[in-house]
Each structure stands twice: as C-alpha cells, then as structure tokens.
PDB file of N, CA and C in Angstrom:
ATOM      1  N   MET A   1     110.682 228.326  -4.481  1.00  0.00           N
ATOM      2  CA  MET A   1     112.027 228.824  -4.252  1.00  0.00           C
ATOM      3  C   MET A   1     112.577 228.320  -2.926  1.00  0.00           C
ATOM      4  N   MET A   2     111.707 228.267  -1.917  1.00  0.00           N
ATOM      5  CA  MET A   2     112.119 227.794  -0.604  1.00  0.00           C
ATOM      6  C   MET A   2     112.548 226.329  -0.670  1.00  0.00           C
ATOM      7  N   LYS A   3     111.782 225.519  -1.441  1.00  0.00           N
ATOM      8  CA  LYS A   3     112.139 224.111  -1.573  1.00  0.00           C
ATOM      9  C   LYS A   3     113.484 223.958  -2.267  1.00  0.00           C
ATOM     10  N   LEU A   4     113.758 224.824  -3.225  1.00  0.00           N
ATOM     11  CA  LEU A   4     115.024 224.777  -3.931  1.00  0.00           C
ATOM     12  C   LEU A   4     116.179 225.086  -2.985  1.00  0.00           C
ATOM     13  N   SER A   5     116.016 226.078  -2.118  1.00  0.00           N
ATOM     14  CA  SER A   5     117.051 226.417  -1.139  1.00  0.00           C
ATOM     15  C   SER A   5     117.274 225.272  -0.171  1.00  0.00           C
ATOM     16  N   ILE A   6     116.200 224.661   0.284  1.00  0.00           N
ATOM     17  CA  ILE A   6     116.322 223.517   1.189  1.00  0.00           C
ATOM     18  C   ILE A   6     116.997 222.360   0.469  1.00  0.00           C
ATOM     19  N   PHE A   7     116.681 222.214  -0.809  1.00  0.00           N
ATOM     20  CA  PHE A   7     117.289 221.165  -1.624  1.00  0.00           C
ATOM     21  C   PHE A   7     118.808 221.309  -1.648  1.00  0.00           C
ATOM     22  N   PHE A   8     119.297 222.524  -1.908  1.00  0.00           N
ATOM     23  CA  PHE A   8     120.736 222.750  -1.955  1.00  0.00           C
ATOM     24  C   PHE A   8     121.364 222.609  -0.576  1.00  0.00           C
ATOM     25  N   LEU A   9     120.670 223.025   0.462  1.00  0.00           N
ATOM     26  CA  LEU A   9     121.162 222.854   1.819  1.00  0.00           C
ATOM     27  C   LEU A   9     121.302 221.373   2.133  1.00  0.00           C
ATOM     28  N   CYS A  10     120.308 220.614   1.741  1.00  0.00           N
ATOM     29  CA  CYS A  10     120.346 219.163   1.925  1.00  0.00           C
ATOM     30  C   CYS A  10     121.536 218.565   1.180  1.00  0.00           C
ATOM     31  N   ALA A  11     121.783 219.021  -0.025  1.00  0.00           N
ATOM     32  CA  ALA A  11     122.875 218.510  -0.848  1.00  0.00           C
ATOM     33  C   ALA A  11     124.230 218.834  -0.248  1.00  0.00           C
ATOM     34  N   MET A  12     124.367 219.990   0.363  1.00  0.00           N
ATOM     35  CA  MET A  12     125.665 220.401   0.893  1.00  0.00           C
ATOM     36  C   MET A  12     125.952 219.787   2.253  1.00  0.00           C
ATOM     37  N   LEU A  13     124.942 219.469   3.044  1.00  0.00           N
ATOM     38  CA  LEU A  13     125.157 219.020   4.412  1.00  0.00           C
ATOM     39  C   LEU A  13     125.202 217.505   4.572  1.00  0.00           C
ATOM     40  N   SER A  14     124.834 216.761   3.589  1.00  0.00           N
ATOM     41  CA  SER A  14     124.817 215.310   3.747  1.00  0.00           C
ATOM     42  C   SER A  14     125.262 214.652   2.455  1.00  0.00           C
ATOM     43  N   ASN A  15     125.389 213.355   2.528  1.00  0.00           N
ATOM     44  CA  ASN A  15     125.611 212.607   1.296  1.00  0.00           C
ATOM     45  C   ASN A  15     124.293 212.650   0.542  1.00  0.00           C
ATOM     46  N   PHE A  16     124.269 213.459  -0.462  1.00  0.00           N
ATOM     47  CA  PHE A  16     123.033 213.807  -1.147  1.00  0.00           C
ATOM     48  C   PHE A  16     122.443 212.621  -1.892  1.00  0.00           C
ATOM     49  N   THR A  17     121.185 212.400  -1.670  1.00  0.00           N
ATOM     50  CA  THR A  17     120.420 211.476  -2.501  1.00  0.00           C
ATOM     51  C   THR A  17     119.365 212.307  -3.217  1.00  0.00           C
ATOM     52  N   PRO A  18     119.285 212.218  -4.528  1.00  0.00           N
ATOM     53  CA  PRO A  18     118.392 213.090  -5.270  1.00  0.00           C
ATOM     54  C   PRO A  18     116.910 212.865  -4.970  1.00  0.00           C
ATOM     55  N   MET A  19     116.557 211.893  -4.176  1.00  0.00           N
ATOM     56  CA  MET A  19     115.160 211.646  -3.871  1.00  0.00           C
ATOM     57  C   MET A  19     114.648 212.573  -2.761  1.00  0.00           C
ATOM     58  N   CYS A  20     115.485 213.450  -2.271  1.00  0.00           N
ATOM     59  CA  CYS A  20     115.166 214.349  -1.162  1.00  0.00           C
ATOM     60  C   CYS A  20     113.837 215.084  -1.371  1.00  0.00           C
ATOM     61  N   PHE A  21     113.674 215.711  -2.518  1.00  0.00           N
ATOM     62  CA  PHE A  21     112.441 216.448  -2.820  1.00  0.00           C
ATOM     63  C   PHE A  21     111.928 216.049  -4.205  1.00  0.00           C
ATOM     64  N   ALA A  22     112.016 214.795  -4.506  1.00  0.00           N
ATOM     65  CA  ALA A  22     111.733 214.318  -5.855  1.00  0.00           C
ATOM     66  C   ALA A  22     110.284 214.515  -6.277  1.00  0.00           C
ATOM     67  N   GLU A  23     109.367 214.538  -5.345  1.00  0.00           N
ATOM     68  CA  GLU A  23     107.966 214.603  -5.752  1.00  0.00           C
ATOM     69  C   GLU A  23     107.596 215.909  -6.439  1.00  0.00           C
ATOM     70  N   ASP A  24     108.350 217.008  -6.198  1.00  0.00           N
ATOM     71  CA  ASP A  24     107.987 218.307  -6.766  1.00  0.00           C
ATOM     72  C   ASP A  24     108.838 218.728  -7.965  1.00  0.00           C
ATOM     73  N   LEU A  25     109.879 217.983  -8.268  1.00  0.00           N
ATOM     74  CA  LEU A  25     110.802 218.405  -9.326  1.00  0.00           C
ATOM     75  C   LEU A  25     110.894 217.346 -10.420  1.00  0.00           C
ATOM     76  N   PRO A  26     111.055 217.779 -11.678  1.00  0.00           N
ATOM     77  CA  PRO A  26     111.250 216.823 -12.772  1.00  0.00           C
ATOM     78  C   PRO A  26     112.594 216.093 -12.621  1.00  0.00           C
ATOM     79  N   ASP A  27     112.666 214.887 -13.182  1.00  0.00           N
ATOM     80  CA  ASP A  27     113.875 214.068 -13.061  1.00  0.00           C
ATOM     81  C   ASP A  27     115.120 214.771 -13.592  1.00  0.00           C
ATOM     82  N   ASP A  28     115.001 215.428 -14.747  1.00  0.00           N
ATOM     83  CA  ASP A  28     116.162 216.113 -15.320  1.00  0.00           C
ATOM     84  C   ASP A  28     116.677 217.205 -14.397  1.00  0.00           C
ATOM     85  N   GLU A  29     115.771 217.936 -13.795  1.00  0.00           N
ATOM     86  CA  GLU A  29     116.169 219.017 -12.890  1.00  0.00           C
ATOM     87  C   GLU A  29     116.852 218.444 -11.646  1.00  0.00           C
ATOM     88  N   ILE A  30     116.327 217.342 -11.138  1.00  0.00           N
ATOM     89  CA  ILE A  30     116.953 216.685  -9.980  1.00  0.00           C
ATOM     90  C   ILE A  30     118.364 216.235 -10.341  1.00  0.00           C
ATOM     91  N   ARG A  31     118.508 215.618 -11.509  1.00  0.00           N
ATOM     92  CA  ARG A  31     119.814 215.131 -11.954  1.00  0.00           C
ATOM     93  C   ARG A  31     120.801 216.287 -12.109  1.00  0.00           C
ATOM     94  N   GLN A  32     120.354 217.385 -12.709  1.00  0.00           N
ATOM     95  CA  GLN A  32     121.226 218.550 -12.885  1.00  0.00           C
ATOM     96  C   GLN A  32     121.651 219.122 -11.544  1.00  0.00           C
ATOM     97  N   MET A  33     120.732 219.200 -10.605  1.00  0.00           N
ATOM     98  CA  MET A  33     121.075 219.735  -9.287  1.00  0.00           C
ATOM     99  C   MET A  33     122.031 218.807  -8.547  1.00  0.00           C
ATOM    100  N   ALA A  34     121.827 217.516  -8.714  1.00  0.00           N
ATOM    101  CA  ALA A  34     122.702 216.554  -8.046  1.00  0.00           C
ATOM    102  C   ALA A  34     124.114 216.615  -8.614  1.00  0.00           C
ATOM    103  N   GLU A  35     124.218 216.856  -9.920  1.00  0.00           N
ATOM    104  CA  GLU A  35     125.524 216.901 -10.564  1.00  0.00           C
ATOM    105  C   GLU A  35     126.207 218.253 -10.434  1.00  0.00           C
ATOM    106  N   ALA A  36     125.428 219.299 -10.252  1.00  0.00           N
ATOM    107  CA  ALA A  36     125.995 220.649 -10.155  1.00  0.00           C
ATOM    108  C   ALA A  36     126.759 220.785  -8.844  1.00  0.00           C
ATOM    109  N   LYS A  37     127.927 221.370  -8.945  1.00  0.00           N
ATOM    110  CA  LYS A  37     128.745 221.601  -7.761  1.00  0.00           C
ATOM    111  C   LYS A  37     128.897 223.096  -7.577  1.00  0.00           C
ATOM    112  N   PRO A  38     128.695 223.562  -6.374  1.00  0.00           N
ATOM    113  CA  PRO A  38     128.955 224.981  -6.134  1.00  0.00           C
ATOM    114  C   PRO A  38     130.422 225.298  -6.422  1.00  0.00           C
ATOM    115  N   GLU A  39     130.668 226.524  -6.786  1.00  0.00           N
ATOM    116  CA  GLU A  39     132.024 226.943  -7.140  1.00  0.00           C
ATOM    117  C   GLU A  39     133.000 226.708  -5.995  1.00  0.00           C
ATOM    118  N   SER A  40     132.549 226.920  -4.762  1.00  0.00           N
ATOM    119  CA  SER A  40     133.437 226.726  -3.615  1.00  0.00           C
ATOM    120  C   SER A  40     133.855 225.264  -3.486  1.00  0.00           C
ATOM    121  N   VAL A  41     132.942 224.334  -3.784  1.00  0.00           N
ATOM    122  CA  VAL A  41     133.278 222.910  -3.730  1.00  0.00           C
ATOM    123  C   VAL A  41     134.310 222.591  -4.802  1.00  0.00           C
ATOM    124  N   GLN A  42     134.141 223.147  -5.990  1.00  0.00           N
ATOM    125  CA  GLN A  42     135.108 222.919  -7.057  1.00  0.00           C
ATOM    126  C   GLN A  42     136.479 223.448  -6.667  1.00  0.00           C
ATOM    127  N   LYS A  43     136.514 224.623  -6.044  1.00  0.00           N
ATOM    128  CA  LYS A  43     137.795 225.195  -5.629  1.00  0.00           C
ATOM    129  C   LYS A  43     138.460 224.331  -4.569  1.00  0.00           C
ATOM    130  N   VAL A  44     137.673 223.822  -3.629  1.00  0.00           N
ATOM    131  CA  VAL A  44     138.227 222.948  -2.591  1.00  0.00           C
ATOM    132  C   VAL A  44     138.768 221.670  -3.217  1.00  0.00           C
ATOM    133  N   GLU A  45     138.023 221.102  -4.164  1.00  0.00           N
ATOM    134  CA  GLU A  45     138.492 219.899  -4.843  1.00  0.00           C
ATOM    135  C   GLU A  45     139.777 220.173  -5.615  1.00  0.00           C
ATOM    136  N   GLU A  46     139.833 221.305  -6.318  1.00  0.00           N
ATOM    137  CA  GLU A  46     141.039 221.657  -7.068  1.00  0.00           C
ATOM    138  C   GLU A  46     142.225 221.844  -6.131  1.00  0.00           C
ATOM    139  N   LYS A  47     141.998 222.519  -5.008  1.00  0.00           N
ATOM    140  CA  LYS A  47     143.068 222.725  -4.030  1.00  0.00           C
ATOM    141  C   LYS A  47     143.535 221.390  -3.462  1.00  0.00           C
ATOM    142  N   ALA A  48     142.590 220.490  -3.197  1.00  0.00           N
ATOM    143  CA  ALA A  48     142.947 219.168  -2.684  1.00  0.00           C
ATOM    144  C   ALA A  48     143.798 218.411  -3.694  1.00  0.00           C
ATOM    145  N   LEU A  49     143.433 218.507  -4.974  1.00  0.00           N
ATOM    146  CA  LEU A  49     144.229 217.851  -6.011  1.00  0.00           C
ATOM    147  C   LEU A  49     145.622 218.457  -6.112  1.00  0.00           C
ATOM    148  N   VAL A  50     145.707 219.777  -6.019  1.00  0.00           N
ATOM    149  CA  VAL A  50     147.006 220.451  -6.059  1.00  0.00           C
ATOM    150  C   VAL A  50     147.844 220.029  -4.859  1.00  0.00           C
ATOM    151  N   ASP A  51     147.218 220.002  -3.672  1.00  0.00           N
ATOM    152  CA  ASP A  51     147.938 219.589  -2.467  1.00  0.00           C
ATOM    153  C   ASP A  51     148.406 218.146  -2.573  1.00  0.00           C
ATOM    154  N   LEU A  52     147.554 217.284  -3.116  1.00  0.00           N
ATOM    155  CA  LEU A  52     147.931 215.888  -3.303  1.00  0.00           C
ATOM    156  C   LEU A  52     149.099 215.783  -4.272  1.00  0.00           C
ATOM    157  N   GLY A  53     149.020 216.507  -5.383  1.00  0.00           N
ATOM    158  CA  GLY A  53     150.116 216.499  -6.353  1.00  0.00           C
ATOM    159  C   GLY A  53     151.399 217.026  -5.749  1.00  0.00           C
ATOM    160  N   ARG A  54     151.293 218.091  -4.965  1.00  0.00           N
ATOM    161  CA  ARG A  54     152.452 218.671  -4.297  1.00  0.00           C
ATOM    162  C   ARG A  54     153.037 217.667  -3.304  1.00  0.00           C
ATOM    163  N   SER A  55     152.182 216.996  -2.563  1.00  0.00           N
ATOM    164  CA  SER A  55     152.621 216.002  -1.587  1.00  0.00           C
ATOM    165  C   SER A  55     153.337 214.845  -2.281  1.00  0.00           C
ATOM    166  N   GLN A  56     152.765 214.380  -3.380  1.00  0.00           N
ATOM    167  CA  GLN A  56     153.397 213.296  -4.131  1.00  0.00           C
ATOM    168  C   GLN A  56     154.728 213.746  -4.720  1.00  0.00           C
ATOM    169  N   ALA A  57     154.792 214.973  -5.195  1.00  0.00           N
ATOM    170  CA  ALA A  57     156.039 215.495  -5.755  1.00  0.00           C
ATOM    171  C   ALA A  57     157.105 215.608  -4.670  1.00  0.00           C
ATOM    172  N   LEU A  58     156.725 216.083  -3.481  1.00  0.00           N
ATOM    173  CA  LEU A  58     157.684 216.182  -2.380  1.00  0.00           C
ATOM    174  C   LEU A  58     158.161 214.806  -1.945  1.00  0.00           C
ATOM    175  N   SER A  59     157.261 213.861  -1.911  1.00  0.00           N
ATOM    176  CA  SER A  59     157.631 212.491  -1.558  1.00  0.00           C
ATOM    177  C   SER A  59     158.625 211.930  -2.568  1.00  0.00           C
ATOM    178  N   ARG A  60     158.341 212.148  -3.834  1.00  0.00           N
ATOM    179  CA  ARG A  60     159.240 211.676  -4.906  1.00  0.00           C
ATOM    180  C   ARG A  60     160.590 212.381  -4.815  1.00  0.00           C
ATOM    181  N   LEU A  61     160.575 213.681  -4.539  1.00  0.00           N
ATOM    182  CA  LEU A  61     161.811 214.443  -4.393  1.00  0.00           C
ATOM    183  C   LEU A  61     162.643 213.904  -3.231  1.00  0.00           C
ATOM    184  N   ASN A  62     161.999 213.630  -2.094  1.00  0.00           N
ATOM    185  CA  ASN A  62     162.712 213.068  -0.949  1.00  0.00           C
ATOM    186  C   ASN A  62     163.308 211.712  -1.288  1.00  0.00           C
ATOM    187  N   ASP A  63     162.552 210.897  -2.023  1.00  0.00           N
ATOM    188  CA  ASP A  63     163.052 209.592  -2.444  1.00  0.00           C
ATOM    189  C   ASP A  63     164.273 209.747  -3.346  1.00  0.00           C
ATOM    190  N   LEU A  64     164.194 210.675  -4.295  1.00  0.00           N
ATOM    191  CA  LEU A  64     165.325 210.902  -5.201  1.00  0.00           C
ATOM    192  C   LEU A  64     166.541 211.445  -4.456  1.00  0.00           C
ATOM    193  N   GLU A  65     166.315 212.339  -3.485  1.00  0.00           N
ATOM    194  CA  GLU A  65     167.427 212.863  -2.694  1.00  0.00           C
ATOM    195  C   GLU A  65     168.097 211.747  -1.901  1.00  0.00           C
ATOM    196  N   SER A  66     167.311 210.833  -1.355  1.00  0.00           N
ATOM    197  CA  SER A  66     167.870 209.688  -0.629  1.00  0.00           C
ATOM    198  C   SER A  66     168.710 208.818  -1.554  1.00  0.00           C
ATOM    199  N   ARG A  67     168.211 208.603  -2.749  1.00  0.00           N
ATOM    200  CA  ARG A  67     168.969 207.794  -3.714  1.00  0.00           C
ATOM    201  C   ARG A  67     170.267 208.485  -4.117  1.00  0.00           C
ATOM    202  N   ILE A  68     170.204 209.798  -4.311  1.00  0.00           N
ATOM    203  CA  ILE A  68     171.412 210.552  -4.669  1.00  0.00           C
ATOM    204  C   ILE A  68     172.441 210.443  -3.555  1.00  0.00           C
ATOM    205  N   GLU A  69     171.994 210.577  -2.300  1.00  0.00           N
ATOM    206  CA  GLU A  69     172.911 210.450  -1.166  1.00  0.00           C
ATOM    207  C   GLU A  69     173.534 209.060  -1.124  1.00  0.00           C
ATOM    208  N   ALA A  70     172.742 208.029  -1.398  1.00  0.00           N
ATOM    209  CA  ALA A  70     173.265 206.662  -1.415  1.00  0.00           C
ATOM    210  C   ALA A  70     174.302 206.493  -2.521  1.00  0.00           C
ATOM    211  N   VAL A  71     174.037 207.054  -3.686  1.00  0.00           N
ATOM    212  CA  VAL A  71     174.991 206.973  -4.800  1.00  0.00           C
ATOM    213  C   VAL A  71     176.277 207.718  -4.449  1.00  0.00           C
ATOM    214  N   GLU A  72     176.149 208.875  -3.802  1.00  0.00           N
ATOM    215  CA  GLU A  72     177.340 209.633  -3.401  1.00  0.00           C
ATOM    216  C   GLU A  72     178.165 208.855  -2.381  1.00  0.00           C
ATOM    217  N   ARG A  73     177.496 208.172  -1.437  1.00  0.00           N
ATOM    218  CA  ARG A  73     178.231 207.343  -0.464  1.00  0.00           C
ATOM    219  C   ARG A  73     178.941 206.192  -1.167  1.00  0.00           C
ATOM    220  N   ASP A  74     178.237 205.550  -2.112  1.00  0.00           N
ATOM    221  CA  ASP A  74     178.852 204.459  -2.871  1.00  0.00           C
ATOM    222  C   ASP A  74     180.041 204.964  -3.675  1.00  0.00           C
ATOM    223  N   GLN A  75     179.900 206.126  -4.278  1.00  0.00           N
ATOM    224  CA  GLN A  75     180.986 206.709  -5.058  1.00  0.00           C
ATOM    225  C   GLN A  75     182.190 206.988  -4.163  1.00  0.00           C
ATOM    226  N   GLN A  76     181.951 207.545  -2.983  1.00  0.00           N
ATOM    227  CA  GLN A  76     183.041 207.829  -2.049  1.00  0.00           C
ATOM    228  C   GLN A  76     183.725 206.533  -1.623  1.00  0.00           C
ATOM    229  N   PHE A  77     182.934 205.501  -1.336  1.00  0.00           N
ATOM    230  CA  PHE A  77     183.508 204.207  -0.963  1.00  0.00           C
ATOM    231  C   PHE A  77     184.385 203.663  -2.085  1.00  0.00           C
ATOM    232  N   LEU A  78     183.887 203.733  -3.321  1.00  0.00           N
ATOM    233  CA  LEU A  78     184.658 203.216  -4.456  1.00  0.00           C
ATOM    234  C   LEU A  78     185.928 204.034  -4.692  1.00  0.00           C
ATOM    235  N   GLU A  79     185.849 205.343  -4.536  1.00  0.00           N
ATOM    236  CA  GLU A  79     187.047 206.175  -4.687  1.00  0.00           C
ATOM    237  C   GLU A  79     188.082 205.831  -3.624  1.00  0.00           C
ATOM    238  N   ASP A  80     187.636 205.621  -2.388  1.00  0.00           N
ATOM    239  CA  ASP A  80     188.556 205.211  -1.320  1.00  0.00           C
ATOM    240  C   ASP A  80     189.174 203.855  -1.630  1.00  0.00           C
ATOM    241  N   ARG A  81     188.374 202.945  -2.129  1.00  0.00           N
ATOM    242  CA  ARG A  81     188.863 201.603  -2.483  1.00  0.00           C
ATOM    243  C   ARG A  81     189.890 201.688  -3.613  1.00  0.00           C
ATOM    244  N   VAL A  82     189.646 202.520  -4.614  1.00  0.00           N
ATOM    245  CA  VAL A  82     190.595 202.693  -5.721  1.00  0.00           C
ATOM    246  C   VAL A  82     191.912 203.246  -5.196  1.00  0.00           C
ATOM    247  N   ARG A  83     191.848 204.239  -4.292  1.00  0.00           N
ATOM    248  CA  ARG A  83     193.082 204.786  -3.705  1.00  0.00           C
ATOM    249  C   ARG A  83     193.851 203.706  -2.954  1.00  0.00           C
ATOM    250  N   MET A  84     193.127 202.874  -2.202  1.00  0.00           N
ATOM    251  CA  MET A  84     193.783 201.805  -1.459  1.00  0.00           C
ATOM    252  C   MET A  84     194.439 200.810  -2.418  1.00  0.00           C
ATOM    253  N   LEU A  85     193.769 200.471  -3.486  1.00  0.00           N
ATOM    254  CA  LEU A  85     194.336 199.549  -4.470  1.00  0.00           C
ATOM    255  C   LEU A  85     195.534 200.173  -5.183  1.00  0.00           C
ATOM    256  N   ASP A  86     195.463 201.474  -5.475  1.00  0.00           N
ATOM    257  CA  ASP A  86     196.602 202.162  -6.083  1.00  0.00           C
ATOM    258  C   ASP A  86     197.816 202.092  -5.167  1.00  0.00           C
ATOM    259  N   ARG A  87     197.615 202.301  -3.874  1.00  0.00           N
ATOM    260  CA  ARG A  87     198.726 202.208  -2.917  1.00  0.00           C
ATOM    261  C   ARG A  87     199.287 200.796  -2.871  1.00  0.00           C
ATOM    262  N   SER A  88     198.384 199.816  -2.907  1.00  0.00           N
ATOM    263  CA  SER A  88     198.844 198.420  -2.894  1.00  0.00           C
ATOM    264  C   SER A  88     199.664 198.114  -4.138  1.00  0.00           C
ATOM    265  N   VAL A  89     199.232 198.596  -5.278  1.00  0.00           N
ATOM    266  CA  VAL A  89     199.977 198.386  -6.525  1.00  0.00           C
ATOM    267  C   VAL A  89     201.333 199.079  -6.437  1.00  0.00           C
ATOM    268  N   ASP A  90     201.371 200.307  -5.914  1.00  0.00           N
ATOM    269  CA  ASP A  90     202.642 201.025  -5.755  1.00  0.00           C
ATOM    270  C   ASP A  90     203.582 200.275  -4.822  1.00  0.00           C
ATOM    271  N   ASP A  91     203.056 199.736  -3.730  1.00  0.00           N
ATOM    272  CA  ASP A  91     203.880 198.958  -2.796  1.00  0.00           C
ATOM    273  C   ASP A  91     204.436 197.711  -3.468  1.00  0.00           C
ATOM    274  N   LEU A  92     203.612 197.033  -4.248  1.00  0.00           N
ATOM    275  CA  LEU A  92     204.077 195.830  -4.947  1.00  0.00           C
ATOM    276  C   LEU A  92     205.146 196.172  -5.979  1.00  0.00           C
ATOM    277  N   ARG A  93     205.017 197.289  -6.661  1.00  0.00           N
ATOM    278  CA  ARG A  93     206.022 197.698  -7.651  1.00  0.00           C
ATOM    279  C   ARG A  93     207.350 197.991  -6.969  1.00  0.00           C
ATOM    280  N   ARG A  94     207.305 198.616  -5.804  1.00  0.00           N
ATOM    281  CA  ARG A  94     208.545 198.919  -5.076  1.00  0.00           C
ATOM    282  C   ARG A  94     209.248 197.642  -4.650  1.00  0.00           C
ATOM    283  N   ARG A  95     208.474 196.657  -4.263  1.00  0.00           N
ATOM    284  CA  ARG A  95     209.064 195.394  -3.813  1.00  0.00           C
ATOM    285  C   ARG A  95     209.702 194.636  -4.967  1.00  0.00           C
ATOM    286  N   LEU A  96     209.185 194.812  -6.142  1.00  0.00           N
ATOM    287  CA  LEU A  96     209.745 194.102  -7.292  1.00  0.00           C
ATOM    288  C   LEU A  96     210.947 194.842  -7.760  1.00  0.00           C
TER     289      LEU A  96
END
C-alpha cells in the first residue's frame, strides 16, 4: 500500500514515467495507473478547456465588434458621400 501511495505521489509531482516502481507491479496495473487521472486533474483540465474556449470566444467577439465598427464607419462615409452627390445634382439642376 505504501508503494502505491508513493507511486501516485511520483505521478502527480513529476512527468510520470511508468517505470518508477515497475519491478513490483504487473504491466497492466502500471498502465492503468499511468492513464488514470485524479478527479481534481480532470476538473482542472476541464476548467482550462472552458477558459480557453471562453478566451477564444471573447477574441472572436472583439474581432467581430471591430469589423462592425468598420462597417458602420464605411456606411457613414457612404451616406455622407451620397448626400454630397445629391447636393451636387440639385445644384446642377438649378443651373440648367
């Protein structure tokens, strides 16, 4: 039991290599222990994935907001240009 506890301590504190206590344990048991993740590690990994997804979503949202602002500026420029052209057309009609 003590070797098993040391085994898990070894796995959690370093980049685990299953050969740590290989002489006393069967290969299948070593493989299962190496692949098994404590629940806390799984939760941390899940939280990291959620945070990464949230970060990517915020980045995408900021990018889309920037594009929307650019489109709104372009729209305002075009509306101003149309008004200027309308005035020019009105001036030309008066002259004729």
